[in-house]
Protein backbone atom coordinates (compact mmCIF):
# COMPACT_ATOMS: atom_id res chain seq x y z
CA MET A 1 17.68 -40.83 10.33
CA THR A 2 20.78 -41.69 12.34
CA GLU A 3 24.09 -40.46 10.97
CA VAL A 4 26.71 -43.22 11.15
CA ALA A 5 30.43 -42.37 11.31
CA PHE A 6 33.20 -44.95 11.15
CA HIS A 7 36.62 -44.01 12.51
CA PHE A 8 39.02 -46.51 10.92
CA ASN A 9 42.63 -47.41 11.75
CA VAL A 10 42.33 -46.31 15.36
CA PRO A 11 45.62 -47.40 16.97
CA ASP A 12 44.29 -47.27 20.55
CA LYS A 13 40.50 -47.46 20.89
CA ILE A 14 40.44 -46.54 24.57
CA GLY A 15 42.75 -43.52 24.22
CA TYR A 16 40.91 -42.36 21.11
CA ALA A 17 37.54 -42.80 22.85
CA CYS A 18 38.78 -40.66 25.76
CA ARG A 19 39.73 -37.82 23.41
CA LEU A 20 36.47 -38.19 21.48
CA LEU A 21 34.43 -38.12 24.70
CA ARG A 22 36.35 -35.08 25.96
CA LYS A 23 35.47 -33.30 22.71
CA ALA A 24 31.82 -34.41 22.96
CA HIS A 25 31.61 -33.21 26.57
CA ALA A 26 33.06 -29.82 25.59
CA ALA A 27 30.32 -29.61 22.92
CA LYS A 28 27.69 -30.41 25.60
CA ALA A 29 26.70 -33.67 23.89
CA GLN A 30 25.03 -36.50 25.79
CA VAL A 31 26.81 -39.76 24.87
CA GLY A 32 26.12 -43.42 25.51
CA VAL A 33 29.08 -45.77 25.16
CA ILE A 34 28.36 -49.40 24.40
CA GLY A 35 30.84 -52.26 24.55
CA MET A 36 32.01 -55.37 26.29
CA ALA A 37 32.50 -55.19 30.08
CA ASP A 38 36.32 -55.32 29.88
CA SER A 39 36.43 -52.45 27.35
CA LEU A 40 34.06 -50.36 29.46
CA ARG A 41 36.15 -50.98 32.60
CA ALA A 42 39.30 -49.93 30.73
CA LEU A 43 37.54 -46.82 29.41
CA ASP A 44 36.22 -45.92 32.87
CA THR A 45 39.74 -46.11 34.30
CA ALA A 46 41.24 -44.20 31.37
CA LEU A 47 38.69 -41.39 31.63
CA TRP A 48 39.91 -40.74 35.18
CA THR A 49 43.60 -40.76 34.25
CA PHE A 50 44.16 -39.78 30.60
CA SER A 51 44.48 -36.03 31.22
CA GLN A 52 45.67 -34.07 34.22
CA LEU A 53 43.83 -30.97 33.00
CA ASP A 54 40.46 -32.35 31.94
CA PHE A 55 37.69 -34.12 33.78
CA VAL A 56 35.24 -36.04 31.64
CA PRO A 57 32.19 -36.78 33.82
CA HIS A 58 30.78 -40.24 33.27
CA CYS A 59 29.08 -43.12 35.02
CA ALA A 60 27.98 -46.70 34.45
CA ALA A 61 24.48 -47.40 33.17
CA SER A 62 23.87 -49.26 36.44
CA ALA A 63 24.36 -46.07 38.50
CA ASP A 64 21.63 -44.51 40.63
CA ALA A 65 18.99 -42.62 38.62
CA ARG A 66 20.13 -39.28 40.07
CA VAL A 67 23.72 -39.92 38.95
CA LEU A 68 22.55 -41.03 35.50
CA ALA A 69 20.51 -37.86 35.06
CA ALA A 70 23.55 -35.72 35.90
CA SER A 71 26.09 -37.62 33.77
CA PRO A 72 26.65 -36.53 30.18
CA ILE A 73 28.47 -39.79 29.37
CA VAL A 74 27.07 -43.18 30.31
CA LEU A 75 28.91 -46.50 29.84
CA GLY A 76 26.83 -49.65 29.38
CA GLY A 77 26.51 -53.07 27.82
CA ASP A 78 23.46 -52.08 25.77
CA ALA A 79 21.76 -48.91 24.60
CA ALA A 80 18.72 -49.31 26.87
CA GLY A 81 20.34 -47.30 29.69
CA PHE A 82 21.03 -44.22 27.57
CA ALA A 83 17.74 -42.38 27.94
CA HIS A 84 19.13 -38.87 27.38
CA ALA A 85 21.95 -39.56 24.91
CA GLN A 86 22.01 -38.09 21.43
CA VAL A 87 25.20 -39.91 20.42
CA LEU A 88 26.03 -43.60 20.68
CA LEU A 89 29.70 -44.64 20.67
CA ASN A 90 30.16 -48.32 19.80
CA LEU A 91 33.28 -50.02 21.14
CA GLY A 92 31.77 -53.46 20.48
CA GLY A 93 31.86 -55.70 17.45
CA GLY A 94 28.20 -55.88 16.50
CA VAL A 95 25.42 -53.58 15.37
CA PRO A 96 24.08 -52.03 18.58
CA GLN A 97 20.44 -52.85 19.17
CA GLY A 98 18.37 -49.66 19.26
CA PHE A 99 21.03 -47.49 17.57
CA GLU A 100 18.38 -45.94 15.30
CA ARG A 101 16.94 -43.83 18.12
CA PHE A 102 20.18 -41.82 18.38
CA GLU A 103 21.02 -38.79 16.25
CA ARG A 104 24.51 -40.12 15.65
CA LEU A 105 26.35 -43.43 15.92
CA ILE A 106 30.14 -43.52 16.03
CA GLU A 107 31.93 -46.78 15.29
CA LEU A 108 35.59 -47.14 16.31
CA VAL A 109 37.62 -49.66 14.32
CA ASP A 110 41.19 -50.60 15.20
CA THR A 111 43.85 -51.97 12.85
CA SER A 112 43.31 -55.69 13.53
CA GLU A 113 41.91 -57.79 10.70
CA ALA A 114 39.18 -59.20 12.96
CA ASP A 115 37.93 -55.73 13.91
CA ARG A 116 38.14 -54.54 10.30
CA ALA A 117 36.12 -57.58 9.10
CA SER A 118 33.47 -56.94 11.74
CA ALA A 119 33.34 -53.26 10.74
CA ARG A 120 32.84 -54.20 7.08
CA GLN A 121 29.79 -56.26 8.09
CA ARG A 122 28.37 -53.36 10.12
CA TRP A 123 29.09 -50.93 7.27
CA ARG A 124 27.19 -53.20 4.88
CA TYR A 125 24.29 -53.51 7.35
CA TYR A 126 23.90 -49.74 7.70
CA SER A 127 24.43 -49.09 3.99
CA GLU A 128 21.80 -51.63 2.93
CA ARG A 129 19.30 -49.84 5.17
CA GLY A 130 20.02 -46.41 3.68
CA TYR A 131 21.90 -44.78 6.56
CA ALA A 132 24.20 -41.85 5.76
CA LEU A 133 27.73 -43.17 6.30
CA GLN A 134 30.86 -41.16 6.99
CA ARG A 135 34.37 -42.54 6.85
CA HIS A 136 37.23 -41.07 8.91
CA ASP A 137 40.63 -42.66 8.36
CA VAL A 138 42.66 -41.92 11.48
CA ALA A 139 45.88 -43.19 9.86
CA ALA A 140 45.51 -40.63 7.05
CA ARG A 141 45.53 -37.92 9.73
CA GLY A 142 48.64 -39.36 11.29
CA GLY A 143 46.74 -40.88 14.22
CA ALA A 144 45.50 -37.45 15.23
CA SER A 145 42.88 -37.22 17.90
CA PRO A 146 39.30 -36.45 16.93
């Protein structure tokens, strides 16, 4: 059964996602990132620029099949394009369709009331279906990276 982890009080979702993806890449994890087009564009740009010392290889789900097969991190609007991913990172506001086929789902939640309310609904959805839920309060760690 999919393990679901919520990272709450994330001050900067894109910056936090970059650090999380860098850590996942170092651990040799295959990750699919789902979200709205504007968030995915911002993440794509940030992954190229957030660190002068690290390269986090990634591509869009619409990339050529050869590029997709070689990319450990794939960015897309839905989980259908993440054939090899073990982890799904949700930057969106809803329950990702098909999340149950992943070993792990990570939900990022910022400090806005709208995002927190949406996260509470997703938490309830997963909980009612018996998924193991983990809670990580980023503010309690002083905004520390994952």
